[in-house]
């Protein structure tokens, strides 16, 4: 019987290795897998390349993973946002690498990685420093830059509900990056608020089919990231 349920976030991330490439979903609190990230901090894997929309907020979640010096490189669209307090300082001191990618291009690079498409052309970033050193071609009098797909060893994703087969449904903006990250990672690790019995998810409502998910862990009461940031909490506690 297929059963992808793991007993805890710690068990689910236990084999993340030093030097791994890890995709982390987000696009706001709805999709930020705080418990999985904190379990990864406790686990201690280092020299990670992290692919995410931003670099986290305050001193919890992804920001805490960076602050704990476990991340070697960030590939993201927004390295600095309203509550970015960790990454900007480390970057200015030359203690972490950054590959800056326009948001739509980031999403498409991940989607392409999951679809088995090695690269694609886009007009985004043409004529800017982000296109320096990249191949360009002209199609119908328009210049395009070649962007390569992104894949990962692991994806840490947050969804609303799952079943034991790994079928997933999401809450609002969690759907922006979570589904494509599941397809682009060798091992997709998903935390959900609720594990439903088989058949508990309407097949027509499934966003990520279980074939793209390897591990599911139930976190019924996930941390409120914005509240932790407002309270100036730090992880490890």
Foldseek 3Di string as FASTA:
>chain_A
DQFQEDAALLVLCLPPAAQFEEEAFDPDDQKGLQRNQLSCVVNPHAQYEYEYAEQDFFAGGSLVCVQSRRYAEYEHAYDDDDGNDRRVVCVVVVNHYYQHDHPVRSQVLLLCLLVVNFKDWDLPPPPHPNQPPFDWDDDPNGITTIDGHDATQEYEIEAAEEERLQFTHHDPPSLSRRQSNLSRHPEYEYEYLYYDYVVPDDPVRGDHGSVSHRHYYYDNDDDRRVVCNVVSHHPVD
